[in-house]
């Protein structure tokens, strides 16, 4: 099982220290790459994020302090076709990620556990997942009628703002947990804990789906999320978090691999990619909507990988 918290890497009593050593080596390599990115960002002329939480020049998530409360933003969007998923045999260390469309991915573990993110009535994988996560900013991010064949339906919102959703589920080789965030309603008011960032710990990887994120993250939220290897990120820059705010979040999370989602046509995606290049990210396009990811084959340089939609 993956462990996203950097502090937990020092735990003793493990039968085989090799996975821990490999993960420490990956983190050290990633820190060097992020140090280069910080230098690139500091050298250029970078405007301040359009949020109430200023972005640090060189984020240091391992020495975090309490941050200010998060501001909000808003979202929306219609249908897309169902993606046809072809199941394949995975290597023991591979996690398969398929971009179904909008904010929905199908994630498959080496032992065959399937997860659909932001499961809804408009964009669905062609297979019924064992686990479905949902957020409720808009109807394209949740459904009131999930397929009855789904064993675990995890809603990203709780009974009330004072009772946020809290999930910590383990199925075979997959652990799923969430970190609540806020959303902004159409009337402009903030709804506390209306969204969740879901973290999937699979095969030594920590994969984070940011959902319909409307604000930058506090130090507490960053600590709860832990260090991500792969981040699935909304990049429209308007309905969700603005581009400066999203770049701040990415610099805080320090994921090796970032996969864009929630973009409406090439223009909004290109704006995000241009901003990422300015901040020193590598940018590449995958030839297909499905990729395999393993802990031993993550890019050394923080990289944006664009998966084609259906």
Protein backbone atom coordinates (compact mmCIF):
# COMPACT_ATOMS: atom_id res chain seq x y z
CA UNK A 1 0.00 0.00 0.00
CA UNK A 2 1.29 3.47 -0.81
CA UNK A 3 1.93 5.97 1.94
CA UNK A 4 1.69 9.61 0.87
CA UNK A 5 2.91 11.18 4.11
CA UNK A 6 6.60 12.06 4.00
CA UNK A 7 6.87 11.73 7.78
CA UNK A 8 5.79 8.09 7.64
CA UNK A 9 8.80 7.13 5.53
CA UNK A 10 10.87 6.91 8.71
CA UNK A 11 8.66 4.25 10.31
CA UNK A 12 10.57 1.24 11.55
CA UNK A 13 9.69 -2.40 11.79
CA UNK A 14 9.24 -3.07 8.08
CA UNK A 15 10.20 -6.52 6.84
CA UNK A 16 11.63 -5.22 3.56
CA UNK A 17 13.25 -1.75 3.60
CA UNK A 18 13.78 -1.65 -0.19
CA UNK A 19 10.40 -0.05 -1.10
CA UNK A 20 11.00 2.67 1.48
CA UNK A 21 14.51 3.30 0.19
CA UNK A 22 13.25 3.52 -3.38
CA UNK A 23 10.53 5.98 -2.36
CA UNK A 24 13.04 8.13 -0.43
CA UNK A 25 15.28 8.16 -3.52
CA UNK A 26 12.31 9.22 -5.69
CA UNK A 27 11.45 12.02 -3.24
CA UNK A 28 15.06 13.27 -3.20
CA UNK A 29 15.17 13.27 -7.00
CA UNK A 30 11.84 15.07 -7.15
CA UNK A 31 12.98 17.69 -4.62
CA UNK A 32 15.97 18.50 -6.83
CA UNK A 33 13.65 18.93 -9.81
CA UNK A 34 11.29 21.13 -7.82
CA UNK A 35 14.22 23.25 -6.64
CA UNK A 36 15.00 23.92 -10.31
CA UNK A 37 11.36 24.83 -10.94
CA UNK A 38 11.39 27.21 -7.98
CA UNK A 39 14.46 28.93 -9.41
CA UNK A 40 12.77 29.25 -12.82
CA UNK A 41 9.62 30.68 -11.25
CA UNK A 42 11.61 33.12 -9.12
CA UNK A 43 13.69 34.35 -12.04
CA UNK A 44 10.73 35.27 -14.23
CA UNK A 45 8.10 37.94 -13.84
CA UNK A 46 5.21 36.07 -12.26
CA UNK A 47 1.99 37.79 -11.31
CA UNK A 48 0.46 37.10 -7.90
CA UNK A 49 -2.40 34.58 -7.74
CA UNK A 50 -5.90 36.05 -7.97
CA UNK A 51 -6.79 34.59 -4.59
CA UNK A 52 -6.54 35.72 -1.02
CA UNK A 53 -3.78 33.25 -0.25
CA UNK A 54 -0.39 34.42 -1.65
CA UNK A 55 1.81 31.84 -3.35
CA UNK A 56 5.24 31.28 -1.77
CA UNK A 57 8.21 31.66 -4.08
CA UNK A 58 9.65 28.34 -3.02
CA UNK A 59 7.01 26.08 -1.45
CA UNK A 60 8.38 23.78 1.22
CA UNK A 61 5.65 21.29 2.12
CA UNK A 62 7.91 19.42 4.54
CA UNK A 63 8.15 22.54 6.75
CA UNK A 64 4.55 23.71 6.59
CA UNK A 65 2.88 26.30 8.78
CA UNK A 66 -0.80 27.02 9.20
CA UNK A 67 -2.20 28.86 6.19
CA UNK A 68 -5.04 31.31 5.78
CA UNK A 69 -8.59 30.24 5.01
CA UNK A 70 -9.27 29.51 1.33
CA UNK A 71 -11.28 31.75 -1.01
CA UNK A 72 -13.74 30.32 -3.54
CA UNK A 73 -14.70 30.23 -7.24
CA UNK A 74 -17.27 28.46 -9.51
CA UNK A 75 -17.89 25.90 -12.31
CA UNK A 76 -20.10 24.12 -14.93
CA UNK A 77 -20.37 22.05 -18.20
CA UNK A 78 -22.45 19.60 -20.34
CA UNK A 79 -22.31 16.10 -21.83
CA UNK A 80 -19.62 14.01 -23.42
CA UNK A 81 -19.81 10.51 -24.92
CA UNK A 82 -19.13 7.30 -23.00
CA UNK A 83 -15.56 6.14 -23.43
CA UNK A 84 -14.99 2.56 -24.55
CA UNK A 85 -12.65 0.86 -22.10
CA UNK A 86 -10.62 -2.19 -23.10
CA UNK A 87 -9.38 -4.08 -20.04
CA UNK A 88 -5.77 -5.19 -20.22
CA UNK A 89 -3.53 -7.29 -17.99
CA UNK A 90 -1.34 -5.06 -15.84
CA UNK A 91 2.17 -5.66 -14.63
CA UNK A 92 2.40 -6.14 -10.84
CA UNK A 93 3.57 -2.54 -10.31
CA UNK A 94 1.40 -0.82 -12.95
CA UNK A 95 -1.65 1.36 -12.38
CA UNK A 96 -3.79 2.04 -15.43
CA UNK A 97 -5.35 5.50 -15.80
CA UNK A 98 -7.89 6.20 -18.56
CA UNK A 99 -9.27 9.66 -19.27
CA UNK A 100 -12.99 9.06 -19.84
CA UNK A 101 -13.80 12.76 -20.27
CA UNK A 102 -14.48 16.00 -18.38
CA UNK A 103 -13.39 15.13 -14.80
CA UNK A 104 -13.88 11.37 -14.99
CA UNK A 105 -11.01 8.90 -15.04
CA UNK A 106 -11.07 5.14 -14.77
CA UNK A 107 -8.26 3.98 -12.48
CA UNK A 108 -7.39 0.27 -12.37
CA UNK A 109 -5.09 -1.32 -9.79
CA UNK A 110 -2.72 -4.24 -10.47
CA UNK A 111 -5.22 -6.56 -8.73
CA UNK A 112 -8.08 -5.33 -10.90
CA UNK A 113 -9.87 -2.90 -8.58
CA UNK A 114 -11.60 -0.25 -10.71
CA UNK A 115 -12.37 3.32 -9.67
CA UNK A 116 -14.33 6.01 -11.52
CA UNK A 117 -13.75 9.60 -10.43
CA UNK A 118 -16.49 12.27 -10.44
CA UNK A 119 -18.97 9.58 -11.52
CA UNK A 120 -22.06 11.17 -13.14
CA UNK A 121 -24.95 10.65 -15.56
CA UNK A 122 -23.24 12.16 -18.62
CA UNK A 123 -19.67 10.85 -18.72
CA UNK A 124 -19.20 7.23 -17.65
CA UNK A 125 -16.74 4.45 -18.38
CA UNK A 126 -18.14 1.46 -20.23
CA UNK A 127 -17.35 -0.81 -17.27
CA UNK A 128 -19.13 -0.60 -13.92
CA UNK A 129 -16.47 0.40 -11.40
CA UNK A 130 -16.12 -1.15 -7.97
CA UNK A 131 -15.56 2.30 -6.44
CA UNK A 132 -17.07 5.60 -7.56
CA UNK A 133 -16.13 9.01 -6.16
CA UNK A 134 -18.32 12.08 -6.67
CA UNK A 135 -18.38 15.83 -6.09
CA UNK A 136 -21.43 18.05 -6.31
CA UNK A 137 -20.38 21.37 -7.79
CA UNK A 138 -22.44 20.47 -10.88
CA UNK A 139 -24.40 17.56 -12.29
CA UNK A 140 -21.43 16.55 -14.47
CA UNK A 141 -19.57 15.58 -11.30
CA UNK A 142 -22.13 13.39 -9.51
CA UNK A 143 -25.31 11.39 -9.91
CA UNK A 144 -28.28 10.72 -7.68
CA UNK A 145 -28.67 7.32 -9.37
CA UNK A 146 -25.35 5.47 -9.37
CA UNK A 147 -25.27 2.05 -11.02
CA UNK A 148 -26.45 -0.50 -8.42
CA UNK A 149 -23.49 -2.69 -9.34
CA UNK A 150 -21.03 -0.22 -7.78
CA UNK A 151 -19.93 -1.66 -4.44
CA UNK A 152 -18.65 1.59 -2.92
CA UNK A 153 -20.10 5.03 -3.73
CA UNK A 154 -18.04 7.76 -2.04
CA UNK A 155 -19.67 11.20 -2.01
CA UNK A 156 -17.34 14.14 -1.56
CA UNK A 157 -19.80 16.09 0.56
CA UNK A 158 -21.24 15.38 3.98
CA UNK A 159 -24.62 15.69 5.65
CA UNK A 160 -24.03 19.38 6.38
CA UNK A 161 -21.18 21.93 6.32
CA UNK A 162 -20.48 20.99 9.92
CA UNK A 163 -20.30 17.28 9.06
CA UNK A 164 -17.91 16.95 6.11
CA UNK A 165 -17.47 13.67 4.28
CA UNK A 166 -14.70 11.50 5.67
CA UNK A 167 -13.73 8.36 3.77
CA UNK A 168 -10.92 5.89 4.37
CA UNK A 169 -11.65 2.74 2.40
CA UNK A 170 -9.39 -0.21 1.58
CA UNK A 171 -10.34 -2.69 -1.15
CA UNK A 172 -7.71 -5.30 -2.02
CA UNK A 173 -4.62 -3.31 -3.09
CA UNK A 174 -6.33 0.11 -3.08
CA UNK A 175 -6.78 2.63 -0.31
CA UNK A 176 -9.09 5.62 -0.95
CA UNK A 177 -9.36 8.62 1.34
CA UNK A 178 -10.55 12.20 0.98
CA UNK A 179 -9.70 15.73 2.05
CA UNK A 180 -12.73 18.09 2.07
CA UNK A 181 -12.55 21.51 0.37
CA UNK A 182 -15.09 24.30 -0.19
CA UNK A 183 -17.14 25.26 -3.23
CA UNK A 184 -18.79 28.49 -4.27
CA UNK A 185 -22.49 28.36 -5.06
CA UNK A 186 -24.18 30.15 -7.95
CA UNK A 187 -25.41 32.87 -5.59
CA UNK A 188 -21.80 33.66 -4.67
CA UNK A 189 -21.92 32.17 -1.19
CA UNK A 190 -19.30 29.70 -0.01
CA UNK A 191 -20.45 26.18 0.77
CA UNK A 192 -18.05 24.65 3.23
CA UNK A 193 -16.89 21.09 2.51
CA UNK A 194 -18.92 20.72 -0.70
CA UNK A 195 -16.01 19.17 -2.62
CA UNK A 196 -13.37 16.57 -1.83
CA UNK A 197 -9.90 15.85 -3.08
CA UNK A 198 -9.72 12.06 -3.29
CA UNK A 199 -6.37 10.35 -2.79
CA UNK A 200 -5.82 6.83 -4.14
CA UNK A 201 -2.90 4.85 -2.71
CA UNK A 202 -2.08 2.04 -5.13
CA UNK A 203 1.05 0.03 -5.89
CA UNK A 204 3.41 2.46 -4.18
CA UNK A 205 1.78 5.47 -5.89
CA UNK A 206 -0.23 8.31 -4.41
CA UNK A 207 -2.72 9.60 -7.01
CA UNK A 208 -4.79 12.69 -6.20
CA UNK A 209 -7.98 13.77 -8.00
CA UNK A 210 -8.54 17.43 -7.13
CA UNK A 211 -12.22 17.38 -8.03
CA UNK A 212 -13.90 20.73 -8.69
CA UNK A 213 -11.34 22.70 -6.73
CA UNK A 214 -12.30 26.35 -6.15
CA UNK A 215 -9.51 27.61 -3.91
CA UNK A 216 -5.89 27.26 -2.92
CA UNK A 217 -5.04 24.89 -0.09
CA UNK A 218 -4.25 25.47 3.55
CA UNK A 219 -1.21 23.96 5.23
CA UNK A 220 -3.52 21.53 7.02
CA UNK A 221 -5.06 20.35 3.74
CA UNK A 222 -1.61 19.92 2.18
CA UNK A 223 -0.54 17.85 5.16
CA UNK A 224 -3.67 15.67 4.94
CA UNK A 225 -3.16 15.09 1.21
CA UNK A 226 0.51 14.24 1.59
CA UNK A 227 3.04 14.10 -1.23
CA UNK A 228 1.37 13.13 -4.49
CA UNK A 229 3.05 11.22 -7.31
CA UNK A 230 0.25 11.84 -9.83
CA UNK A 231 -2.21 14.76 -9.76
CA UNK A 232 -5.43 14.85 -11.83
CA UNK A 233 -6.09 18.55 -12.12
CA UNK A 234 -8.91 20.84 -13.41
CA UNK A 235 -7.29 23.40 -15.72
CA UNK A 236 -10.12 25.50 -17.21
CA UNK A 237 -8.92 28.50 -15.18
CA UNK A 238 -12.36 30.04 -14.73
CA UNK A 239 -15.11 27.73 -13.47
CA UNK A 240 -12.66 26.09 -11.08
CA UNK A 241 -9.53 27.70 -9.63
CA UNK A 242 -7.80 30.41 -11.70
CA UNK A 243 -4.49 29.51 -13.37
CA UNK A 244 -2.24 31.35 -10.92
CA UNK A 245 -3.97 29.65 -8.02
CA UNK A 246 -3.73 26.25 -9.69
CA UNK A 247 -0.01 26.69 -10.32
CA UNK A 248 0.38 27.52 -6.63
CA UNK A 249 -1.43 24.30 -5.70
CA UNK A 250 0.77 22.25 -8.03
CA UNK A 251 3.90 23.77 -6.56
CA UNK A 252 2.60 22.87 -3.09
CA UNK A 253 1.73 19.28 -3.98
CA UNK A 254 4.94 18.69 -5.98
CA UNK A 255 3.58 15.80 -8.02
CA UNK A 256 5.91 14.22 -10.57
CA UNK A 257 3.12 13.72 -13.11
CA UNK A 258 0.18 16.10 -13.69
CA UNK A 259 -2.73 15.06 -15.92
CA UNK A 260 -5.09 17.87 -16.99
CA UNK A 261 -8.88 17.52 -16.93
CA UNK A 262 -11.94 19.79 -16.95
CA UNK A 263 -10.96 21.93 -19.93
CA UNK A 264 -13.34 23.12 -22.61
CA UNK A 265 -11.62 22.90 -25.98
CA UNK A 266 -8.03 23.61 -26.92
CA UNK A 267 -7.91 27.24 -25.85
CA UNK A 268 -8.33 26.75 -22.11
CA UNK A 269 -5.98 23.76 -22.16
CA UNK A 270 -3.33 25.70 -24.09
CA UNK A 271 -3.48 28.58 -21.62
CA UNK A 272 -2.71 26.14 -18.81
CA UNK A 273 0.11 24.46 -20.75
CA UNK A 274 1.69 27.82 -21.59
CA UNK A 275 1.58 28.84 -17.93
CA UNK A 276 3.06 25.48 -16.89
CA UNK A 277 5.95 25.88 -19.34
CA UNK A 278 6.64 29.33 -17.90
CA UNK A 279 6.93 27.69 -14.47
CA UNK A 280 9.41 25.11 -15.75
CA UNK A 281 7.17 22.05 -16.16
CA UNK A 282 7.80 19.58 -18.94
CA UNK A 283 4.80 19.18 -21.28
CA UNK A 284 4.01 16.12 -23.37
CA UNK A 285 1.02 14.48 -25.07
CA UNK A 286 0.09 10.83 -24.71
CA UNK A 287 -0.94 9.02 -27.91
CA UNK A 288 -3.96 7.40 -26.23
CA UNK A 289 -6.43 8.15 -23.45
CA UNK A 290 -5.10 5.21 -21.40
CA UNK A 291 -1.66 5.13 -19.81
CA UNK A 292 0.12 2.83 -17.36
CA UNK A 293 1.97 4.42 -14.46
CA UNK A 294 4.39 2.82 -12.02
CA UNK A 295 6.30 4.14 -9.04
CA UNK A 296 9.63 3.22 -10.62
CA UNK A 297 8.96 5.03 -13.90
CA UNK A 298 7.82 8.49 -12.83
CA UNK A 299 9.42 11.42 -14.66
CA UNK A 300 12.35 12.98 -12.79
CA UNK A 301 11.24 16.43 -13.94
CA UNK A 302 7.68 17.52 -12.98
CA UNK A 303 5.71 16.90 -16.17
CA UNK A 304 2.27 17.70 -17.57
CA UNK A 305 0.96 14.78 -19.65
CA UNK A 306 -2.11 15.49 -21.77
CA UNK A 307 -4.40 12.52 -22.44
CA UNK A 308 -6.68 12.83 -25.47
CA UNK A 309 -10.40 12.88 -24.72
CA UNK A 310 -12.99 10.47 -26.13
